[in-house]
Amino acid sequence: MKGQLHTLYPGLDTQVPQPAEITEKKVLHANDLAFKLIPKSKTPEFIIKTICTSSPYFALKKLEILSENTVSAQVPVETFIPRENSVISAAEVGRHLAILGSCAASLIDESFTKKYFLAIKAELNYLDPSFKASKESLYAIASAFQYGERKTLSKVNLYTKTGKRVYSLSVVYQIFQEKVFERLFSSHFTLGNENFGFNPYVEFLHLHNLSFEENKLKATVGPILAEYCLGHFKNYPALPVAVIMGNLSYAAGKLLHNILGEECQYHVQYADVVAENLAFVDDMLVIDIELKGRFDDHFFFLCQAINQENKTIGKMFLELVKE
């Protein structure tokens, strides 16, 4: 069954397009660019106020406008996922890079109004798994492109401070005017969900009721509480897609350990994500993971999260590499 987003806006099953690779030969600064192409009111502060994600989910630092469709920011490392061996967990990469991509999408939006940029498709690649250092500063650059009616495509790359590119993300957003979003999801209005005073994104949500059957795993997450969704979104708390996909990849790691008969370190090499519905407060999610294939130390999983109404929240094709 198609989800809320697919029903409202058909045609979301197309592949994420791959425009020509965006290459940055150096880190650009605002003073290097012709700002006459950028509306004066589209400052970094303005963009942050209009993308509908806020702290603590929004954790980027030093957001800068580099051109009429490109932004950059420093990327923190907050989340630890056991056994995932990378400079930053794939789920956190998805979180920060998708947020930065929405900033670029807001930059090219012709209006100056507040909007919701909902990630509906994403493709993540770990470009250099040999790079494991965790103390280097990370930064990202995102460029946005128009992609049909009420949609935007962003291409985002994550770099070390020395300019080494370690992750890439392509993400398509469905864009909702503020009033349209509030009307569509009015039944999920929750006043004052931003005052819990802590950051829920420093750790992953725990899996419950785990069961294994041959090459499959089933588990549950939830019920979802408002404090799990701080900053996403104010008065309409919904569990971020990146958090859900983090739980799916963590569950796939659990299944990998069960298949191998031992715990091991691994990294997420590739993830192809489709988001179909939002997961709101009180939703209970069922996690289904199935191993679909293996080549040497590369394991390929089909993952999905479904709520208590049997609505698919999201699906992911995932490649884990045992180390």
Protein backbone atom coordinates (compact mmCIF):
# COMPACT_ATOMS: atom_id res chain seq x y z
CA MET A 1 0.00 0.00 0.00
CA LYS A 2 1.34 3.44 -0.89
CA GLY A 3 2.11 5.71 2.03
CA GLN A 4 0.79 9.17 2.83
CA LEU A 5 3.51 10.88 0.83
CA HIS A 6 3.13 8.56 -2.18
CA THR A 7 -0.65 8.93 -2.22
CA LEU A 8 -0.48 12.71 -2.14
CA TYR A 9 2.34 12.92 -4.65
CA PRO A 10 2.57 9.92 -7.00
CA GLY A 11 5.69 8.99 -8.87
CA LEU A 12 8.03 8.65 -5.91
CA ASP A 13 9.28 5.20 -6.94
CA THR A 14 11.59 6.54 -9.62
CA GLN A 15 15.30 6.11 -9.08
CA VAL A 16 17.22 8.94 -7.47
CA PRO A 17 18.84 10.65 -10.47
CA GLN A 18 22.60 11.02 -10.60
CA PRO A 19 23.56 14.43 -12.01
CA ALA A 20 27.15 15.11 -12.89
CA GLU A 21 29.39 14.72 -9.86
CA ILE A 22 29.91 17.97 -7.99
CA THR A 23 33.60 18.54 -7.41
CA GLU A 24 34.96 21.04 -4.89
CA LYS A 25 38.64 21.76 -5.53
CA LYS A 26 38.88 23.80 -2.35
CA VAL A 27 36.73 24.86 0.55
CA LEU A 28 34.93 27.97 -0.65
CA HIS A 29 34.13 30.89 1.58
CA ALA A 30 31.43 33.51 1.29
CA ASN A 31 33.90 36.25 0.35
CA ASP A 32 35.01 34.24 -2.70
CA LEU A 33 31.60 34.31 -4.36
CA ALA A 34 29.33 36.63 -6.28
CA PHE A 35 26.55 37.15 -3.78
CA LYS A 36 24.47 39.12 -6.25
CA LEU A 37 22.90 35.75 -7.21
CA ILE A 38 21.72 35.10 -3.65
CA PRO A 39 18.66 36.94 -2.31
CA LYS A 40 19.82 39.19 0.49
CA SER A 41 17.34 37.77 2.98
CA LYS A 42 18.49 34.19 2.40
CA THR A 43 21.11 34.25 5.11
CA PRO A 44 22.18 31.10 7.00
CA GLU A 45 20.05 32.27 9.92
CA PHE A 46 17.04 32.70 7.65
CA ILE A 47 17.50 29.21 6.16
CA ILE A 48 17.70 27.56 9.58
CA LYS A 49 14.43 29.19 10.59
CA THR A 50 12.59 28.02 7.46
CA ILE A 51 13.46 24.30 7.17
CA CYS A 52 11.32 23.17 10.17
CA THR A 53 14.05 21.13 11.85
CA SER A 54 15.63 22.56 14.99
CA SER A 55 17.99 21.73 17.85
CA PRO A 56 18.87 19.14 19.04
CA TYR A 57 18.10 17.29 15.78
CA PHE A 58 19.70 20.15 13.87
CA ALA A 59 23.28 20.03 15.13
CA LEU A 60 25.26 21.45 12.19
CA LYS A 61 27.71 24.24 12.96
CA LYS A 62 28.88 27.25 10.94
CA LEU A 63 26.38 27.00 8.11
CA GLU A 64 27.66 29.01 5.13
CA ILE A 65 26.21 29.90 1.76
CA LEU A 66 28.74 29.11 -0.98
CA SER A 67 26.70 29.89 -4.11
CA GLU A 68 23.12 30.24 -5.32
CA ASN A 69 22.47 26.51 -4.73
CA THR A 70 25.27 25.34 -2.44
CA VAL A 71 25.86 25.43 1.32
CA SER A 72 28.44 24.02 3.71
CA ALA A 73 28.59 23.27 7.44
CA GLN A 74 30.67 21.56 10.09
CA VAL A 75 29.37 18.11 11.03
CA PRO A 76 29.51 16.81 14.61
CA VAL A 77 29.80 13.17 15.69
CA GLU A 78 27.23 12.41 18.40
CA THR A 79 25.92 8.87 18.01
CA PHE A 80 27.65 5.60 18.80
CA ILE A 81 26.34 2.35 17.34
CA PRO A 82 28.00 -0.79 18.76
CA ARG A 83 30.11 -2.81 16.27
CA GLU A 84 29.69 -0.31 13.42
CA ASN A 85 33.27 0.62 12.58
CA SER A 86 33.45 3.92 10.70
CA VAL A 87 34.47 7.52 11.21
CA ILE A 88 30.78 8.29 11.89
CA SER A 89 27.78 5.96 11.86
CA ALA A 90 25.89 5.73 8.57
CA ALA A 91 22.65 6.76 10.29
CA GLU A 92 24.25 9.92 11.64
CA VAL A 93 25.74 10.68 8.23
CA GLY A 94 22.23 10.39 6.81
CA ARG A 95 20.87 12.68 9.51
CA HIS A 96 23.36 15.53 9.15
CA LEU A 97 23.74 15.37 5.38
CA ALA A 98 19.98 15.24 4.79
CA ILE A 99 19.55 18.32 7.00
CA LEU A 100 22.27 20.16 5.11
CA GLY A 101 20.65 19.10 1.84
CA SER A 102 17.39 20.63 3.02
CA CYS A 103 19.26 23.88 3.72
CA ALA A 104 20.45 23.88 0.10
CA ALA A 105 16.90 23.08 -1.02
CA SER A 106 15.60 26.04 0.97
CA LEU A 107 18.20 28.25 -0.66
CA ILE A 108 16.94 27.54 -4.19
CA ASP A 109 13.28 27.76 -3.20
CA GLU A 110 11.82 30.85 -4.84
CA SER A 111 9.56 31.72 -1.94
CA PHE A 112 10.61 33.04 1.46
CA THR A 113 8.18 31.02 3.54
CA LYS A 114 8.64 28.23 6.06
CA LYS A 115 8.47 24.75 4.58
CA TYR A 116 8.83 21.10 5.52
CA PHE A 117 11.44 19.24 3.47
CA LEU A 118 10.62 15.56 3.90
CA ALA A 119 13.24 13.11 2.66
CA ILE A 120 11.43 10.49 0.57
CA LYS A 121 14.35 8.78 -1.19
CA ALA A 122 18.04 8.63 -0.37
CA GLU A 123 21.15 6.81 -1.50
CA LEU A 124 24.21 6.67 0.77
CA ASN A 125 27.71 5.53 -0.19
CA TYR A 126 30.71 5.02 2.08
CA LEU A 127 33.47 6.08 -0.30
CA ASP A 128 36.56 5.27 1.74
CA PRO A 129 36.03 2.56 4.37
CA SER A 130 39.77 2.53 5.07
CA PHE A 131 39.44 5.92 6.76
CA LYS A 132 38.60 5.27 10.42
CA ALA A 133 40.04 8.23 12.33
CA SER A 134 37.33 9.63 14.59
CA LYS A 135 39.00 12.80 15.90
CA GLU A 136 39.25 14.74 12.65
CA SER A 137 36.86 17.60 12.09
CA LEU A 138 34.24 16.81 9.47
CA TYR A 139 32.46 19.17 7.14
CA ALA A 140 29.91 18.73 4.36
CA ILE A 141 28.94 20.53 1.16
CA ALA A 142 25.44 20.26 -0.32
CA SER A 143 24.11 21.42 -3.68
CA ALA A 144 20.39 21.43 -4.53
CA PHE A 145 18.58 21.07 -7.86
CA GLN A 146 14.95 21.38 -8.88
CA TYR A 147 13.40 17.94 -9.37
CA GLY A 148 9.85 18.26 -10.60
CA GLU A 149 6.87 19.85 -8.89
CA ARG A 150 7.28 20.30 -5.12
CA LYS A 151 10.46 18.20 -5.11
CA THR A 152 14.15 18.96 -4.79
CA LEU A 153 17.24 16.79 -5.21
CA SER A 154 20.32 17.46 -3.10
CA LYS A 155 23.78 16.00 -3.59
CA VAL A 156 25.82 16.08 -0.40
CA ASN A 157 29.40 15.06 0.33
CA LEU A 158 31.13 14.59 3.68
CA TYR A 159 34.81 15.50 4.01
CA THR A 160 37.59 15.42 6.54
CA LYS A 161 39.31 18.70 7.39
CA THR A 162 42.06 17.72 4.94
CA GLY A 163 39.56 17.49 2.08
CA LYS A 164 39.22 13.71 1.93
CA ARG A 165 35.73 12.75 0.74
CA VAL A 166 34.40 9.87 2.84
CA TYR A 167 30.61 9.74 2.27
CA SER A 168 28.17 10.84 -0.39
CA LEU A 169 24.40 11.18 -0.14
CA SER A 170 21.78 11.80 -2.82
CA VAL A 171 18.41 12.71 -1.34
CA VAL A 172 15.04 13.71 -2.80
CA TYR A 173 12.71 15.89 -0.73
CA GLN A 174 8.97 16.31 -0.96
CA ILE A 175 8.26 19.93 -0.08
CA PHE A 176 5.21 20.88 1.99
CA GLN A 177 4.04 24.40 2.67
CA GLU A 178 3.74 24.93 6.42
CA LYS A 179 -0.05 25.27 6.37
CA VAL A 180 -0.45 22.21 4.14
CA PHE A 181 1.67 20.07 6.44
CA GLU A 182 -0.21 21.24 9.52
CA ARG A 183 -3.56 20.49 7.88
CA LEU A 184 -2.51 17.03 6.70
CA PHE A 185 -1.11 15.99 10.07
CA SER A 186 -3.35 17.99 12.40
CA SER A 187 -4.30 14.84 14.34
CA HIS A 188 -0.66 14.55 15.47
CA PHE A 189 -0.38 18.05 16.95
CA THR A 190 1.40 17.93 20.32
CA LEU A 191 1.97 21.24 22.06
CA GLY A 192 5.28 21.90 23.77
CA ASN A 193 7.33 18.84 22.82
CA GLU A 194 10.61 20.80 22.71
CA ASN A 195 11.31 21.32 26.41
CA PHE A 196 12.82 18.05 27.58
CA GLY A 197 16.31 19.55 27.89
CA PHE A 198 18.38 16.64 26.56
CA ASN A 199 19.60 15.21 23.28
CA PRO A 200 17.97 11.88 22.37
CA TYR A 201 20.19 11.44 19.31
CA VAL A 202 23.37 10.54 21.17
CA GLU A 203 22.22 6.92 21.30
CA PHE A 204 20.07 4.64 19.20
CA LEU A 205 16.63 3.39 20.20
CA HIS A 206 16.68 -0.05 21.72
CA LEU A 207 15.20 -3.06 19.94
CA HIS A 208 12.69 -5.26 21.76
CA ASN A 209 11.21 -8.71 21.21
CA LEU A 210 14.01 -9.91 18.95
CA SER A 211 13.39 -13.20 17.16
CA PHE A 212 15.54 -14.99 14.58
CA GLU A 213 14.45 -17.44 11.91
CA GLU A 214 17.13 -18.67 9.51
CA ASN A 215 18.16 -15.55 7.57
CA LYS A 216 15.51 -13.29 9.07
CA LEU A 217 15.10 -11.08 12.12
CA LYS A 218 11.98 -9.48 13.58
CA ALA A 219 11.95 -6.91 16.39
CA THR A 220 9.93 -3.98 17.72
CA VAL A 221 10.72 -0.34 18.50
CA GLY A 222 8.49 1.86 20.61
CA PRO A 223 6.02 3.04 21.41
CA ILE A 224 7.51 6.29 20.12
CA LEU A 225 7.66 9.07 22.70
CA ALA A 226 7.75 12.80 22.00
CA GLU A 227 11.20 13.07 23.59
CA TYR A 228 12.60 10.74 20.92
CA CYS A 229 11.74 13.33 18.25
CA LEU A 230 13.06 16.64 19.64
CA GLY A 231 13.55 19.15 16.87
CA HIS A 232 11.68 16.99 14.34
CA PHE A 233 9.20 18.65 14.23
CA LYS A 234 8.03 21.35 16.65
CA ASN A 235 4.46 20.53 17.75
CA TYR A 236 4.36 17.60 15.30
CA PRO A 237 6.92 15.16 16.75
CA ALA A 238 7.83 12.48 14.21
CA LEU A 239 10.68 10.01 14.48
CA PRO A 240 13.32 11.05 11.92
CA VAL A 241 13.90 8.77 8.95
CA ALA A 242 17.61 8.69 9.82
CA VAL A 243 16.83 7.34 13.29
CA ILE A 244 14.55 4.65 11.88
CA MET A 245 17.14 3.64 9.30
CA GLY A 246 19.75 3.56 12.04
CA ASN A 247 17.62 1.04 13.87
CA LEU A 248 17.23 -1.00 10.70
CA SER A 249 20.99 -1.10 10.10
CA TYR A 250 21.64 -1.94 13.76
CA ALA A 251 19.10 -4.77 13.51
CA ALA A 252 20.80 -5.99 10.32
CA GLY A 253 24.06 -6.06 12.28
CA LYS A 254 22.35 -8.22 14.91
CA LEU A 255 21.18 -10.59 12.20
CA LEU A 256 24.70 -10.68 10.75
CA HIS A 257 26.10 -11.73 14.12
CA ASN A 258 23.45 -14.42 14.47
CA ILE A 259 24.20 -15.83 11.01
CA LEU A 260 27.95 -15.87 11.62
CA GLY A 261 27.60 -17.25 15.14
CA GLU A 262 29.84 -14.52 16.56
CA GLU A 263 29.91 -10.78 17.04
CA CYS A 264 32.10 -8.82 14.65
CA GLN A 265 32.78 -5.31 13.50
CA TYR A 266 31.25 -4.13 10.23
CA HIS A 267 30.58 -0.98 8.29
CA VAL A 268 27.66 0.21 6.17
CA GLN A 269 28.96 0.33 2.61
CA TYR A 270 25.73 1.30 0.86
CA ALA A 271 22.12 2.10 1.68
CA ASP A 272 19.16 2.78 -0.62
CA VAL A 273 16.22 4.21 1.35
CA VAL A 274 12.57 4.89 0.56
CA ALA A 275 10.38 6.67 3.14
CA GLU A 276 6.62 6.16 2.75
CA ASN A 277 4.96 7.40 5.94
CA LEU A 278 5.91 9.42 9.00
CA ALA A 279 6.17 7.64 12.36
CA PHE A 280 4.43 9.76 15.00
CA VAL A 281 4.13 9.65 18.78
CA ASP A 282 2.60 6.43 20.16
CA ASP A 283 3.37 4.47 17.01
CA MET A 284 4.82 1.01 17.56
CA LEU A 285 7.19 -0.13 14.83
CA VAL A 286 7.84 -3.68 13.69
CA ILE A 287 11.31 -4.16 12.23
CA ASP A 288 11.81 -6.86 9.58
CA ILE A 289 15.28 -7.75 8.28
CA GLU A 290 16.11 -10.44 5.73
CA LEU A 291 19.48 -11.46 4.33
CA LYS A 292 19.08 -11.53 0.55
CA GLY A 293 22.60 -12.42 -0.53
CA ARG A 294 26.28 -12.62 0.25
CA PHE A 295 29.54 -12.15 -1.65
CA ASP A 296 32.67 -12.84 0.41
CA ASP A 297 32.40 -10.45 3.38
CA HIS A 298 29.66 -8.35 1.79
CA PHE A 299 26.16 -9.04 3.11
CA PHE A 300 23.01 -7.67 1.45
CA PHE A 301 19.85 -7.09 3.47
CA LEU A 302 16.29 -6.00 2.77
CA CYS A 303 14.96 -4.02 5.72
CA GLN A 304 11.62 -2.41 6.52
CA ALA A 305 9.73 -0.76 9.34
CA ILE A 306 5.93 -1.09 9.62
CA ASN A 307 3.64 0.54 12.18
CA GLN A 308 0.74 -0.96 14.15
CA GLU A 309 -1.68 -0.08 11.33
CA ASN A 310 0.41 -2.13 8.92
CA LYS A 311 1.58 1.00 7.12
CA THR A 312 5.11 0.85 5.77
CA ILE A 313 7.17 3.62 7.32
CA GLY A 314 10.29 2.96 5.31
CA LYS A 315 12.30 0.40 3.36
CA MET A 316 16.02 0.03 2.87
CA PHE A 317 18.36 -2.08 0.79
CA LEU A 318 21.53 -2.34 2.85
CA GLU A 319 25.07 -3.59 2.23
CA LEU A 320 27.12 -4.44 5.31
CA VAL A 321 30.78 -5.38 5.08
CA LYS A 322 32.28 -7.61 7.76
CA GLU A 323 35.70 -6.49 8.95
